[in-house]
Amino acid sequence: MIGALVLGLLAGFIARAFLPGKQNMGFFATLLLGLVGSFVGYLIFNRVFGFGDDAAFDLGGLVGAIIGSMIVLFSYNRLIKKS
């Protein structure tokens, strides 16, 4: 549980740093972004492409979590924020 929170927070911060522009997000919004992005990254890499291990938590999923978080943040900025 704590590992998932740390991974989500780290992925959220890194995704925000990689995407251009200013995101007005606090600590908990960044954590939520990272957790949702981790799940999206897991779905993309593990379920769609068959990469990764779903038996245990590992930091190898950090790349997938960052990419998933970037996808979620990009989608949020394009779909929700613009309307």
PDB file of N, CA and C in Angstrom:
ATOM      1  N   MET A   1       0.823  -1.189   0.000  1.00  0.00           N
ATOM      2  CA  MET A   1       0.000   0.000   0.000  1.00  0.00           C
ATOM      3  C   MET A   1       0.870   1.257   0.000  1.00  0.00           C
ATOM      4  N   ILE A   2       1.847   1.305   0.881  1.00  0.00           N
ATOM      5  CA  ILE A   2       2.722   2.479   0.946  1.00  0.00           C
ATOM      6  C   ILE A   2       3.552   2.570  -0.332  1.00  0.00           C
ATOM      7  N   GLY A   3       3.988   1.424  -0.837  1.00  0.00           N
ATOM      8  CA  GLY A   3       4.760   1.425  -2.081  1.00  0.00           C
ATOM      9  C   GLY A   3       3.966   1.984  -3.243  1.00  0.00           C
ATOM     10  N   ALA A   4       2.675   1.659  -3.305  1.00  0.00           N
ATOM     11  CA  ALA A   4       1.823   2.177  -4.373  1.00  0.00           C
ATOM     12  C   ALA A   4       1.654   3.687  -4.248  1.00  0.00           C
ATOM     13  N   LEU A   5       1.534   4.185  -3.030  1.00  0.00           N
ATOM     14  CA  LEU A   5       1.409   5.628  -2.827  1.00  0.00           C
ATOM     15  C   LEU A   5       2.689   6.359  -3.226  1.00  0.00           C
ATOM     16  N   VAL A   6       3.830   5.790  -2.851  1.00  0.00           N
ATOM     17  CA  VAL A   6       5.114   6.404  -3.215  1.00  0.00           C
ATOM     18  C   VAL A   6       5.296   6.390  -4.732  1.00  0.00           C
ATOM     19  N   LEU A   7       4.975   5.250  -5.354  1.00  0.00           N
ATOM     20  CA  LEU A   7       5.082   5.149  -6.808  1.00  0.00           C
ATOM     21  C   LEU A   7       4.150   6.147  -7.484  1.00  0.00           C
ATOM     22  N   GLY A   8       2.920   6.267  -7.005  1.00  0.00           N
ATOM     23  CA  GLY A   8       1.970   7.203  -7.582  1.00  0.00           C
ATOM     24  C   GLY A   8       2.418   8.638  -7.440  1.00  0.00           C
ATOM     25  N   LEU A   9       2.918   8.990  -6.277  1.00  0.00           N
ATOM     26  CA  LEU A   9       3.391  10.354  -6.052  1.00  0.00           C
ATOM     27  C   LEU A   9       4.588  10.673  -6.944  1.00  0.00           C
ATOM     28  N   LEU A  10       5.524   9.753  -7.011  1.00  0.00           N
ATOM     29  CA  LEU A  10       6.710   9.954  -7.852  1.00  0.00           C
ATOM     30  C   LEU A  10       6.319  10.058  -9.326  1.00  0.00           C
ATOM     31  N   ALA A  11       5.452   9.173  -9.781  1.00  0.00           N
ATOM     32  CA  ALA A  11       5.016   9.200 -11.180  1.00  0.00           C
ATOM     33  C   ALA A  11       4.266  10.489 -11.490  1.00  0.00           C
ATOM     34  N   GLY A  12       3.432  10.949 -10.566  1.00  0.00           N
ATOM     35  CA  GLY A  12       2.695  12.199 -10.773  1.00  0.00           C
ATOM     36  C   GLY A  12       3.613  13.401 -10.883  1.00  0.00           C
ATOM     37  N   PHE A  13       4.597  13.493 -10.000  1.00  0.00           N
ATOM     38  CA  PHE A  13       5.542  14.614 -10.051  1.00  0.00           C
ATOM     39  C   PHE A  13       6.370  14.591 -11.337  1.00  0.00           C
ATOM     40  N   ILE A  14       6.836  13.420 -11.726  1.00  0.00           N
ATOM     41  CA  ILE A  14       7.658  13.323 -12.934  1.00  0.00           C
ATOM     42  C   ILE A  14       6.830  13.629 -14.176  1.00  0.00           C
ATOM     43  N   ALA A  15       5.596  13.133 -14.223  1.00  0.00           N
ATOM     44  CA  ALA A  15       4.728  13.426 -15.367  1.00  0.00           C
ATOM     45  C   ALA A  15       4.455  14.914 -15.481  1.00  0.00           C
ATOM     46  N   ARG A  16       4.226  15.576 -14.359  1.00  0.00           N
ATOM     47  CA  ARG A  16       4.012  17.027 -14.389  1.00  0.00           C
ATOM     48  C   ARG A  16       5.258  17.766 -14.854  1.00  0.00           C
ATOM     49  N   ALA A  17       6.428  17.257 -14.510  1.00  0.00           N
ATOM     50  CA  ALA A  17       7.675  17.903 -14.918  1.00  0.00           C
ATOM     51  C   ALA A  17       7.934  17.722 -16.415  1.00  0.00           C
ATOM     52  N   PHE A  18       7.541  16.566 -16.961  1.00  0.00           N
ATOM     53  CA  PHE A  18       7.803  16.280 -18.372  1.00  0.00           C
ATOM     54  C   PHE A  18       6.856  17.001 -19.320  1.00  0.00           C
ATOM     55  N   LEU A  19       5.617  17.230 -18.898  1.00  0.00           N
ATOM     56  CA  LEU A  19       4.659  17.880 -19.784  1.00  0.00           C
ATOM     57  C   LEU A  19       4.810  19.393 -19.687  1.00  0.00           C
ATOM     58  N   PRO A  20       4.800  20.067 -20.827  1.00  0.00           N
ATOM     59  CA  PRO A  20       4.965  21.518 -20.813  1.00  0.00           C
ATOM     60  C   PRO A  20       3.730  22.216 -20.250  1.00  0.00           C
ATOM     61  N   GLY A  21       3.943  23.404 -19.782  1.00  0.00           N
ATOM     62  CA  GLY A  21       2.848  24.195 -19.233  1.00  0.00           C
ATOM     63  C   GLY A  21       2.789  24.105 -17.728  1.00  0.00           C
ATOM     64  N   LYS A  22       1.935  24.949 -17.171  1.00  0.00           N
ATOM     65  CA  LYS A  22       1.796  24.987 -15.717  1.00  0.00           C
ATOM     66  C   LYS A  22       0.530  24.247 -15.329  1.00  0.00           C
ATOM     67  N   GLN A  23       0.694  23.295 -14.446  1.00  0.00           N
ATOM     68  CA  GLN A  23      -0.454  22.583 -13.903  1.00  0.00           C
ATOM     69  C   GLN A  23      -0.662  23.047 -12.468  1.00  0.00           C
ATOM     70  N   ASN A  24      -1.813  23.599 -12.211  1.00  0.00           N
ATOM     71  CA  ASN A  24      -2.128  24.056 -10.861  1.00  0.00           C
ATOM     72  C   ASN A  24      -2.700  22.891 -10.062  1.00  0.00           C
ATOM     73  N   MET A  25      -1.801  22.053  -9.557  1.00  0.00           N
ATOM     74  CA  MET A  25      -2.206  20.874  -8.799  1.00  0.00           C
ATOM     75  C   MET A  25      -1.471  20.864  -7.474  1.00  0.00           C
ATOM     76  N   GLY A  26      -2.178  20.505  -6.453  1.00  0.00           N
ATOM     77  CA  GLY A  26      -1.569  20.361  -5.144  1.00  0.00           C
ATOM     78  C   GLY A  26      -1.012  18.963  -4.937  1.00  0.00           C
ATOM     79  N   PHE A  27      -0.640  18.697  -3.714  1.00  0.00           N
ATOM     80  CA  PHE A  27      -0.042  17.418  -3.349  1.00  0.00           C
ATOM     81  C   PHE A  27      -0.991  16.253  -3.615  1.00  0.00           C
ATOM     82  N   PHE A  28      -2.226  16.369  -3.147  1.00  0.00           N
ATOM     83  CA  PHE A  28      -3.170  15.256  -3.281  1.00  0.00           C
ATOM     84  C   PHE A  28      -3.619  15.052  -4.720  1.00  0.00           C
ATOM     85  N   ALA A  29      -3.749  16.132  -5.482  1.00  0.00           N
ATOM     86  CA  ALA A  29      -4.095  15.997  -6.901  1.00  0.00           C
ATOM     87  C   ALA A  29      -2.958  15.315  -7.659  1.00  0.00           C
ATOM     88  N   THR A  30      -1.720  15.622  -7.316  1.00  0.00           N
ATOM     89  CA  THR A  30      -0.573  14.973  -7.945  1.00  0.00           C
ATOM     90  C   THR A  30      -0.530  13.496  -7.575  1.00  0.00           C
ATOM     91  N   LEU A  31      -0.827  13.193  -6.323  1.00  0.00           N
ATOM     92  CA  LEU A  31      -0.881  11.799  -5.886  1.00  0.00           C
ATOM     93  C   LEU A  31      -1.979  11.040  -6.627  1.00  0.00           C
ATOM     94  N   LEU A  32      -3.143  11.638  -6.754  1.00  0.00           N
ATOM     95  CA  LEU A  32      -4.237  11.009  -7.482  1.00  0.00           C
ATOM     96  C   LEU A  32      -3.877  10.818  -8.951  1.00  0.00           C
ATOM     97  N   LEU A  33      -3.246  11.824  -9.551  1.00  0.00           N
ATOM     98  CA  LEU A  33      -2.777  11.706 -10.931  1.00  0.00           C
ATOM     99  C   LEU A  33      -1.843  10.521 -11.080  1.00  0.00           C
ATOM    100  N   GLY A  34      -0.902  10.385 -10.183  1.00  0.00           N
ATOM    101  CA  GLY A  34       0.057   9.292 -10.244  1.00  0.00           C
ATOM    102  C   GLY A  34      -0.584   7.926 -10.046  1.00  0.00           C
ATOM    103  N   LEU A  35      -1.541   7.835  -9.139  1.00  0.00           N
ATOM    104  CA  LEU A  35      -2.218   6.563  -8.910  1.00  0.00           C
ATOM    105  C   LEU A  35      -3.059   6.148 -10.115  1.00  0.00           C
ATOM    106  N   VAL A  36      -3.806   7.088 -10.661  1.00  0.00           N
ATOM    107  CA  VAL A  36      -4.602   6.787 -11.859  1.00  0.00           C
ATOM    108  C   VAL A  36      -3.680   6.477 -13.031  1.00  0.00           C
ATOM    109  N   GLY A  37      -2.608   7.261 -13.160  1.00  0.00           N
ATOM    110  CA  GLY A  37      -1.642   7.021 -14.231  1.00  0.00           C
ATOM    111  C   GLY A  37      -0.949   5.680 -14.094  1.00  0.00           C
ATOM    112  N   SER A  38      -0.681   5.260 -12.869  1.00  0.00           N
ATOM    113  CA  SER A  38      -0.082   3.940 -12.648  1.00  0.00           C
ATOM    114  C   SER A  38      -1.009   2.838 -13.130  1.00  0.00           C
ATOM    115  N   PHE A  39      -2.287   2.998 -12.855  1.00  0.00           N
ATOM    116  CA  PHE A  39      -3.262   2.009 -13.306  1.00  0.00           C
ATOM    117  C   PHE A  39      -3.367   1.999 -14.830  1.00  0.00           C
ATOM    118  N   VAL A  40      -3.381   3.189 -15.435  1.00  0.00           N
ATOM    119  CA  VAL A  40      -3.436   3.279 -16.905  1.00  0.00           C
ATOM    120  C   VAL A  40      -2.179   2.660 -17.511  1.00  0.00           C
ATOM    121  N   GLY A  41      -1.021   2.971 -16.951  1.00  0.00           N
ATOM    122  CA  GLY A  41       0.224   2.384 -17.442  1.00  0.00           C
ATOM    123  C   GLY A  41       0.233   0.879 -17.296  1.00  0.00           C
ATOM    124  N   TYR A  42      -0.293   0.381 -16.187  1.00  0.00           N
ATOM    125  CA  TYR A  42      -0.399  -1.060 -15.987  1.00  0.00           C
ATOM    126  C   TYR A  42      -1.287  -1.695 -17.053  1.00  0.00           C
ATOM    127  N   LEU A  43      -2.431  -1.076 -17.308  1.00  0.00           N
ATOM    128  CA  LEU A  43      -3.332  -1.621 -18.325  1.00  0.00           C
ATOM    129  C   LEU A  43      -2.691  -1.636 -19.698  1.00  0.00           C
ATOM    130  N   ILE A  44      -2.010  -0.557 -20.033  1.00  0.00           N
ATOM    131  CA  ILE A  44      -1.390  -0.472 -21.355  1.00  0.00           C
ATOM    132  C   ILE A  44      -0.272  -1.493 -21.496  1.00  0.00           C
ATOM    133  N   PHE A  45       0.661  -1.487 -20.571  1.00  0.00           N
ATOM    134  CA  PHE A  45       1.839  -2.326 -20.732  1.00  0.00           C
ATOM    135  C   PHE A  45       1.584  -3.796 -20.418  1.00  0.00           C
ATOM    136  N   ASN A  46       0.854  -4.083 -19.354  1.00  0.00           N
ATOM    137  CA  ASN A  46       0.676  -5.468 -18.956  1.00  0.00           C
ATOM    138  C   ASN A  46      -0.438  -6.145 -19.734  1.00  0.00           C
ATOM    139  N   ARG A  47      -1.571  -5.531 -19.797  1.00  0.00           N
ATOM    140  CA  ARG A  47      -2.732  -6.171 -20.411  1.00  0.00           C
ATOM    141  C   ARG A  47      -2.718  -6.071 -21.937  1.00  0.00           C
ATOM    142  N   VAL A  48      -2.296  -4.957 -22.484  1.00  0.00           N
ATOM    143  CA  VAL A  48      -2.330  -4.788 -23.939  1.00  0.00           C
ATOM    144  C   VAL A  48      -1.085  -5.377 -24.594  1.00  0.00           C
ATOM    145  N   PHE A  49       0.099  -5.015 -24.093  1.00  0.00           N
ATOM    146  CA  PHE A  49       1.342  -5.457 -24.725  1.00  0.00           C
ATOM    147  C   PHE A  49       1.961  -6.685 -24.070  1.00  0.00           C
ATOM    148  N   GLY A  50       1.524  -7.049 -22.890  1.00  0.00           N
ATOM    149  CA  GLY A  50       2.043  -8.236 -22.219  1.00  0.00           C
ATOM    150  C   GLY A  50       3.397  -8.053 -21.555  1.00  0.00           C
ATOM    151  N   PHE A  51       3.823  -6.806 -21.307  1.00  0.00           N
ATOM    152  CA  PHE A  51       5.080  -6.542 -20.619  1.00  0.00           C
ATOM    153  C   PHE A  51       4.839  -6.457 -19.127  1.00  0.00           C
ATOM    154  N   GLY A  52       5.831  -6.811 -18.336  1.00  0.00           N
ATOM    155  CA  GLY A  52       5.780  -6.603 -16.897  1.00  0.00           C
ATOM    156  C   GLY A  52       5.303  -7.813 -16.135  1.00  0.00           C
ATOM    157  N   ASP A  53       5.347  -7.672 -14.840  1.00  0.00           N
ATOM    158  CA  ASP A  53       4.990  -8.741 -13.909  1.00  0.00           C
ATOM    159  C   ASP A  53       3.833  -8.253 -13.056  1.00  0.00           C
ATOM    160  N   ASP A  54       2.745  -8.988 -13.051  1.00  0.00           N
ATOM    161  CA  ASP A  54       1.611  -8.562 -12.243  1.00  0.00           C
ATOM    162  C   ASP A  54       1.526  -9.293 -10.908  1.00  0.00           C
ATOM    163  N   ALA A  55       2.569 -10.052 -10.566  1.00  0.00           N
ATOM    164  CA  ALA A  55       2.552 -10.814  -9.324  1.00  0.00           C
ATOM    165  C   ALA A  55       2.916  -9.965  -8.105  1.00  0.00           C
ATOM    166  N   ALA A  56       3.747  -8.950  -8.282  1.00  0.00           N
ATOM    167  CA  ALA A  56       4.192  -8.151  -7.139  1.00  0.00           C
ATOM    168  C   ALA A  56       4.521  -6.731  -7.575  1.00  0.00           C
ATOM    169  N   PHE A  57       4.538  -5.827  -6.596  1.00  0.00           N
ATOM    170  CA  PHE A  57       4.931  -4.444  -6.843  1.00  0.00           C
ATOM    171  C   PHE A  57       6.438  -4.372  -7.041  1.00  0.00           C
ATOM    172  N   ASP A  58       6.861  -3.659  -8.050  1.00  0.00           N
ATOM    173  CA  ASP A  58       8.284  -3.421  -8.244  1.00  0.00           C
ATOM    174  C   ASP A  58       8.483  -2.057  -8.892  1.00  0.00           C
ATOM    175  N   LEU A  59       9.676  -1.520  -8.763  1.00  0.00           N
ATOM    176  CA  LEU A  59       9.947  -0.207  -9.337  1.00  0.00           C
ATOM    177  C   LEU A  59      10.114  -0.256 -10.850  1.00  0.00           C
ATOM    178  N   GLY A  60      10.123  -1.444 -11.437  1.00  0.00           N
ATOM    179  CA  GLY A  60      10.159  -1.549 -12.886  1.00  0.00           C
ATOM    180  C   GLY A  60       8.903  -0.974 -13.511  1.00  0.00           C
ATOM    181  N   GLY A  61       7.839  -0.899 -12.747  1.00  0.00           N
ATOM    182  CA  GLY A  61       6.598  -0.316 -13.232  1.00  0.00           C
ATOM    183  C   GLY A  61       6.598   1.190 -13.213  1.00  0.00           C
ATOM    184  N   LEU A  62       7.696   1.801 -12.766  1.00  0.00           N
ATOM    185  CA  LEU A  62       7.773   3.249 -12.698  1.00  0.00           C
ATOM    186  C   LEU A  62       7.667   3.874 -14.081  1.00  0.00           C
ATOM    187  N   VAL A  63       8.308   3.288 -15.065  1.00  0.00           N
ATOM    188  CA  VAL A  63       8.250   3.837 -16.432  1.00  0.00           C
ATOM    189  C   VAL A  63       6.812   3.796 -16.948  1.00  0.00           C
ATOM    190  N   GLY A  64       6.137   2.670 -16.751  1.00  0.00           N
ATOM    191  CA  GLY A  64       4.743   2.564 -17.166  1.00  0.00           C
ATOM    192  C   GLY A  64       3.851   3.537 -16.419  1.00  0.00           C
ATOM    193  N   ALA A  65       4.134   3.728 -15.131  1.00  0.00           N
ATOM    194  CA  ALA A  65       3.348   4.656 -14.321  1.00  0.00           C
ATOM    195  C   ALA A  65       3.551   6.097 -14.785  1.00  0.00           C
ATOM    196  N   ILE A  66       4.770   6.456 -15.139  1.00  0.00           N
ATOM    197  CA  ILE A  66       5.043   7.811 -15.630  1.00  0.00           C
ATOM    198  C   ILE A  66       4.342   8.036 -16.960  1.00  0.00           C
ATOM    199  N   ILE A  67       4.462   7.075 -17.870  1.00  0.00           N
ATOM    200  CA  ILE A  67       3.811   7.212 -19.177  1.00  0.00           C
ATOM    201  C   ILE A  67       2.291   7.268 -19.007  1.00  0.00           C
ATOM    202  N   GLY A  68       1.756   6.414 -18.156  1.00  0.00           N
ATOM    203  CA  GLY A  68       0.315   6.450 -17.894  1.00  0.00           C
ATOM    204  C   GLY A  68      -0.118   7.770 -17.285  1.00  0.00           C
ATOM    205  N   SER A  69       0.678   8.315 -16.372  1.00  0.00           N
ATOM    206  CA  SER A  69       0.365   9.603 -15.754  1.00  0.00           C
ATOM    207  C   SER A  69       0.429  10.735 -16.768  1.00  0.00           C
ATOM    208  N   MET A  70       1.377  10.650 -17.681  1.00  0.00           N
ATOM    209  CA  MET A  70       1.468  11.668 -18.730  1.00  0.00           C
ATOM    210  C   MET A  70       0.247  11.605 -19.647  1.00  0.00           C
ATOM    211  N   ILE A  71      -0.218  10.414 -19.948  1.00  0.00           N
ATOM    212  CA  ILE A  71      -1.409  10.260 -20.778  1.00  0.00           C
ATOM    213  C   ILE A  71      -2.632  10.829 -20.065  1.00  0.00           C
ATOM    214  N   VAL A  72      -2.769  10.533 -18.782  1.00  0.00           N
ATOM    215  CA  VAL A  72      -3.906  11.039 -18.004  1.00  0.00           C
ATOM    216  C   VAL A  72      -3.851  12.563 -17.914  1.00  0.00           C
ATOM    217  N   LEU A  73      -2.684  13.121 -17.626  1.00  0.00           N
ATOM    218  CA  LEU A  73      -2.552  14.570 -17.506  1.00  0.00           C
ATOM    219  C   LEU A  73      -2.790  15.261 -18.839  1.00  0.00           C
ATOM    220  N   PHE A  74      -2.268  14.707 -19.919  1.00  0.00           N
ATOM    221  CA  PHE A  74      -2.493  15.269 -21.249  1.00  0.00           C
ATOM    222  C   PHE A  74      -3.987  15.240 -21.584  1.00  0.00           C
ATOM    223  N   SER A  75      -4.623  14.119 -21.319  1.00  0.00           N
ATOM    224  CA  SER A  75      -6.061  13.999 -21.586  1.00  0.00           C
ATOM    225  C   SER A  75      -6.858  14.980 -20.749  1.00  0.00           C
ATOM    226  N   TYR A  76      -6.484  15.114 -19.497  1.00  0.00           N
ATOM    227  CA  TYR A  76      -7.167  16.062 -18.613  1.00  0.00           C
ATOM    228  C   TYR A  76      -7.036  17.481 -19.145  1.00  0.00           C
ATOM    229  N   ASN A  77      -5.828  17.858 -19.538  1.00  0.00           N
ATOM    230  CA  ASN A  77      -5.605  19.210 -20.045  1.00  0.00           C
ATOM    231  C   ASN A  77      -6.362  19.474 -21.337  1.00  0.00           C
ATOM    232  N   ARG A  78      -6.477  18.490 -22.195  1.00  0.00           N
ATOM    233  CA  ARG A  78      -7.138  18.669 -23.495  1.00  0.00           C
ATOM    234  C   ARG A  78      -8.659  18.578 -23.394  1.00  0.00           C
ATOM    235  N   LEU A  79      -9.162  17.637 -22.616  1.00  0.00           N
ATOM    236  CA  LEU A  79     -10.604  17.384 -22.603  1.00  0.00           C
ATOM    237  C   LEU A  79     -11.349  18.179 -21.526  1.00  0.00           C
ATOM    238  N   ILE A  80     -10.831  18.195 -20.334  1.00  0.00           N
ATOM    239  CA  ILE A  80     -11.554  18.785 -19.210  1.00  0.00           C
ATOM    240  C   ILE A  80     -11.269  20.276 -19.068  1.00  0.00           C
ATOM    241  N   LYS A  81     -10.007  20.623 -19.070  1.00  0.00           N
ATOM    242  CA  LYS A  81      -9.618  22.004 -18.821  1.00  0.00           C
ATOM    243  C   LYS A  81     -10.043  22.945 -19.940  1.00  0.00           C
ATOM    244  N   LYS A  82     -10.087  22.487 -21.167  1.00  0.00           N
ATOM    245  CA  LYS A  82     -10.413  23.355 -22.307  1.00  0.00           C
ATOM    246  C   LYS A  82     -11.897  23.631 -22.400  1.00  0.00           C
ATOM    247  N   SER A  83     -12.749  22.793 -21.782  1.00  0.00           N
ATOM    248  CA  SER A  83     -14.195  23.020 -21.925  1.00  0.00           C
ATOM    249  C   SER A  83     -14.741  24.014 -20.959  1.00  0.00           C
TER     250      SER A  83
END
